[in-house]
Structures are given as C-alpha cells and as structure tokens.
N, C-alpha and C. Protein backbone atom coordinates (compact mmCIF):
# COMPACT_ATOMS: atom_id res chain seq x y z
N MET A 1 94.10 104.23 96.40
CA MET A 1 93.59 103.64 97.60
C MET A 1 93.31 104.73 98.65
N GLN A 2 94.16 105.73 98.71
CA GLN A 2 93.91 106.81 99.65
C GLN A 2 92.64 107.56 99.30
N GLY A 3 92.40 107.73 98.02
CA GLY A 3 91.20 108.44 97.59
C GLY A 3 89.93 107.72 98.01
N PHE A 4 89.90 106.40 97.84
CA PHE A 4 88.73 105.62 98.23
C PHE A 4 88.56 105.61 99.75
N GLY A 5 89.67 105.52 100.49
CA GLY A 5 89.61 105.57 101.94
C GLY A 5 89.07 106.91 102.43
N GLY A 6 89.54 107.97 101.82
CA GLY A 6 89.04 109.30 102.16
C GLY A 6 87.56 109.45 101.85
N PHE A 7 87.14 108.85 100.73
CA PHE A 7 85.73 108.88 100.36
C PHE A 7 84.88 108.17 101.41
N LEU A 8 85.35 107.01 101.89
CA LEU A 8 84.59 106.28 102.92
C LEU A 8 84.50 107.08 104.21
N VAL A 9 85.59 107.72 104.61
CA VAL A 9 85.57 108.55 105.82
C VAL A 9 84.59 109.70 105.64
N LEU A 10 84.64 110.34 104.50
CA LEU A 10 83.75 111.46 104.22
C LEU A 10 82.28 111.02 104.24
N MET A 11 81.99 109.90 103.63
CA MET A 11 80.62 109.41 103.60
C MET A 11 80.13 109.02 105.00
N GLY A 12 80.97 108.37 105.77
CA GLY A 12 80.59 107.98 107.12
C GLY A 12 80.36 109.18 108.03
N ALA A 13 81.29 110.12 108.02
CA ALA A 13 81.16 111.30 108.86
C ALA A 13 80.00 112.19 108.39
N GLY A 14 79.88 112.34 107.09
CA GLY A 14 78.78 113.12 106.54
C GLY A 14 77.43 112.50 106.85
N SER A 15 77.39 111.19 106.85
CA SER A 15 76.15 110.49 107.17
C SER A 15 75.75 110.73 108.62
N PHE A 16 76.74 110.80 109.54
CA PHE A 16 76.43 111.14 110.93
C PHE A 16 75.78 112.52 111.03
N VAL A 17 76.39 113.49 110.37
CA VAL A 17 75.89 114.86 110.44
C VAL A 17 74.50 114.96 109.80
N LEU A 18 74.34 114.37 108.63
CA LEU A 18 73.04 114.43 107.97
C LEU A 18 71.97 113.69 108.75
N ASN A 19 72.35 112.60 109.40
CA ASN A 19 71.38 111.83 110.19
C ASN A 19 70.84 112.66 111.35
N MET A 20 71.67 113.54 111.91
CA MET A 20 71.21 114.42 112.99
C MET A 20 70.19 115.44 112.50
N MET A 21 70.21 115.73 111.19
CA MET A 21 69.26 116.68 110.60
C MET A 21 68.12 115.95 109.89
N ASN A 22 67.97 114.65 110.18
CA ASN A 22 66.94 113.81 109.55
C ASN A 22 67.07 113.76 108.03
N ARG A 23 68.29 113.74 107.57
CA ARG A 23 68.61 113.61 106.14
C ARG A 23 69.57 112.45 105.98
N GLU A 24 69.85 112.09 104.72
CA GLU A 24 70.81 111.03 104.45
C GLU A 24 71.29 111.14 103.01
N PHE A 25 72.52 110.71 102.76
CA PHE A 25 73.01 110.61 101.39
C PHE A 25 72.15 109.60 100.64
N VAL A 26 71.89 109.86 99.37
CA VAL A 26 71.09 108.93 98.57
C VAL A 26 71.78 107.57 98.49
N LEU A 27 73.09 107.59 98.37
CA LEU A 27 73.87 106.36 98.28
C LEU A 27 73.77 105.52 99.55
N LEU A 28 73.58 106.16 100.69
CA LEU A 28 73.51 105.46 101.96
C LEU A 28 72.09 105.45 102.55
N GLY A 29 71.10 105.59 101.73
CA GLY A 29 69.73 105.62 102.21
C GLY A 29 69.27 104.33 102.87
N TRP A 30 69.91 103.24 102.58
CA TRP A 30 69.56 101.92 103.12
C TRP A 30 70.09 101.70 104.53
N ILE A 31 70.96 102.57 104.99
CA ILE A 31 71.72 102.33 106.22
C ILE A 31 70.83 102.15 107.46
N ASP A 32 69.74 102.86 107.56
CA ASP A 32 68.90 102.79 108.75
C ASP A 32 67.74 101.80 108.60
N ASN A 33 67.78 100.93 107.61
CA ASN A 33 66.71 99.93 107.44
C ASN A 33 66.62 98.98 108.63
N TRP A 34 67.72 98.72 109.31
CA TRP A 34 67.74 97.78 110.43
C TRP A 34 67.69 98.49 111.78
N GLY A 35 67.42 99.77 111.78
CA GLY A 35 67.32 100.52 113.02
C GLY A 35 68.46 101.52 113.16
N PRO A 36 68.28 102.48 114.05
CA PRO A 36 69.31 103.53 114.20
C PRO A 36 70.62 103.02 114.80
N THR A 37 70.54 102.02 115.67
CA THR A 37 71.78 101.50 116.28
C THR A 37 72.66 100.83 115.24
N VAL A 38 72.06 99.98 114.43
CA VAL A 38 72.82 99.31 113.37
C VAL A 38 73.32 100.33 112.35
N GLY A 39 72.51 101.35 112.07
CA GLY A 39 72.94 102.41 111.17
C GLY A 39 74.18 103.13 111.68
N ASN A 40 74.20 103.40 112.98
CA ASN A 40 75.38 104.06 113.56
C ASN A 40 76.60 103.14 113.55
N ILE A 41 76.39 101.86 113.76
CA ILE A 41 77.50 100.90 113.70
C ILE A 41 78.08 100.87 112.28
N ILE A 42 77.22 100.89 111.28
CA ILE A 42 77.68 100.91 109.89
C ILE A 42 78.44 102.20 109.60
N ARG A 43 77.95 103.31 110.11
CA ARG A 43 78.65 104.60 109.91
C ARG A 43 80.04 104.58 110.53
N VAL A 44 80.13 104.07 111.76
CA VAL A 44 81.44 103.97 112.42
C VAL A 44 82.34 103.02 111.64
N GLY A 45 81.78 101.94 111.13
CA GLY A 45 82.55 101.00 110.32
C GLY A 45 83.09 101.64 109.05
N LEU A 46 82.27 102.47 108.40
CA LEU A 46 82.74 103.18 107.21
C LEU A 46 83.91 104.09 107.54
N ILE A 47 83.79 104.82 108.65
CA ILE A 47 84.87 105.73 109.05
C ILE A 47 86.13 104.95 109.39
N ALA A 48 85.99 103.87 110.15
CA ALA A 48 87.16 103.09 110.56
C ALA A 48 87.83 102.42 109.37
N LEU A 49 87.03 101.82 108.50
CA LEU A 49 87.60 101.16 107.31
C LEU A 49 88.27 102.17 106.40
N GLY A 50 87.64 103.31 106.20
CA GLY A 50 88.23 104.35 105.35
C GLY A 50 89.52 104.90 105.92
N ALA A 51 89.56 105.13 107.24
CA ALA A 51 90.78 105.63 107.87
C ALA A 51 91.90 104.61 107.77
N ALA A 52 91.56 103.33 107.95
CA ALA A 52 92.59 102.28 107.85
C ALA A 52 93.13 102.19 106.43
N MET A 53 92.24 102.24 105.44
CA MET A 53 92.69 102.20 104.05
C MET A 53 93.56 103.39 103.71
N PHE A 54 93.17 104.56 104.19
CA PHE A 54 93.94 105.77 103.93
C PHE A 54 95.33 105.67 104.54
N ALA A 55 95.39 105.21 105.79
CA ALA A 55 96.68 105.12 106.48
C ALA A 55 97.58 104.06 105.85
N LEU A 56 97.03 102.90 105.54
CA LEU A 56 97.84 101.84 104.94
C LEU A 56 98.35 102.23 103.55
N ALA A 57 97.52 102.92 102.79
CA ALA A 57 97.96 103.37 101.47
C ALA A 57 99.08 104.41 101.60
N ALA A 58 98.99 105.27 102.60
CA ALA A 58 100.03 106.27 102.81
C ALA A 58 101.34 105.61 103.19
N VAL A 59 101.28 104.59 104.03
CA VAL A 59 102.50 103.87 104.44
C VAL A 59 103.11 103.14 103.25
N ASN A 60 102.28 102.49 102.46
CA ASN A 60 102.78 101.76 101.29
C ASN A 60 103.35 102.69 100.24
N ASP A 61 102.75 103.86 100.06
CA ASP A 61 103.26 104.80 99.06
C ASP A 61 104.60 105.39 99.46
N SER A 62 104.81 105.62 100.74
CA SER A 62 106.06 106.23 101.18
C SER A 62 107.24 105.27 101.04
N GLY A 63 107.02 103.98 101.19
CA GLY A 63 108.10 103.01 101.08
C GLY A 63 108.36 102.53 99.68
N SER A 64 107.48 102.81 98.74
CA SER A 64 107.64 102.27 97.39
C SER A 64 108.67 103.03 96.56
N ASP A 65 108.99 104.26 96.90
CA ASP A 65 109.95 105.04 96.13
C ASP A 65 111.35 104.43 96.19
N ASP A 66 111.74 103.94 97.35
CA ASP A 66 113.07 103.35 97.49
C ASP A 66 113.19 102.07 96.68
N ASP A 67 112.15 101.28 96.62
CA ASP A 67 112.17 100.03 95.87
C ASP A 67 112.34 100.29 94.37
N ASP A 68 111.72 101.34 93.87
CA ASP A 68 111.83 101.66 92.45
C ASP A 68 113.27 102.02 92.08
N ASP A 69 113.95 102.76 92.93
CA ASP A 69 115.33 103.13 92.66
C ASP A 69 116.24 101.90 92.65
N ASP A 70 116.01 100.99 93.59
CA ASP A 70 116.81 99.77 93.65
C ASP A 70 116.61 98.92 92.40
N LEU A 71 115.40 98.84 91.94
CA LEU A 71 115.11 98.05 90.74
C LEU A 71 115.77 98.65 89.50
N SER A 72 115.75 99.96 89.39
CA SER A 72 116.37 100.57 88.21
C SER A 72 117.89 100.41 88.25
N ARG A 73 118.49 100.48 89.42
CA ARG A 73 119.93 100.27 89.52
C ARG A 73 120.30 98.82 89.20
N ASP A 74 119.48 97.87 89.67
CA ASP A 74 119.76 96.46 89.37
C ASP A 74 119.63 96.18 87.89
N ALA A 75 118.67 96.80 87.25
CA ALA A 75 118.44 96.56 85.83
C ALA A 75 119.62 97.10 84.99
N THR A 76 120.22 98.21 85.39
CA THR A 76 121.33 98.75 84.61
C THR A 76 122.63 97.99 84.86
N ARG A 77 122.74 97.30 85.98
CA ARG A 77 123.95 96.51 86.25
C ARG A 77 124.07 95.35 85.29
N HIS A 78 122.95 94.78 84.90
CA HIS A 78 122.96 93.59 84.05
C HIS A 78 123.11 93.91 82.57
N LEU A 79 123.14 95.16 82.21
CA LEU A 79 123.24 95.51 80.79
C LEU A 79 124.65 95.50 80.30
C-alpha cells in the first residue's frame, strides 16, 4: 500500500513539473482534457490521496507487529 501511495504522489508531483514544461506523462495524458484548472485539481488529488495512503499504510504496518506476537503466544498456550 505504501508503494502505490508513493507512486501516486510521484505521478502527481511529476505531472505538475512536466506540465510547466508543456509535457505530460503518457499515463496521465488525459488529465488536461477538461481544462488546466481541472487538471491541477486532479494532480493535487493524486498527491493528497497518495500521501494519505502512504501514511495510513505506515501506521497500520507499525502496529501489526505486536498483534502477530500476541497471536503466536495464544496459539502455543492451547497446545
């Protein structure tokens, strides 16, 4: 999940930079079909969604290690 979030942030930020040079990623070539304002809103949305996914995945990954230890201890108690 962090990898995909990072990819979205990279694509959004890269799209901003390339747009300033009158270029665009092939994958995001459709972004300015509705005008530059909507294109910029989509770019900001990509960055925000990617950052949120990255942060939430990092929070979930840090808390999951403790749960795994508890499960393994519970499983050995019942044997």
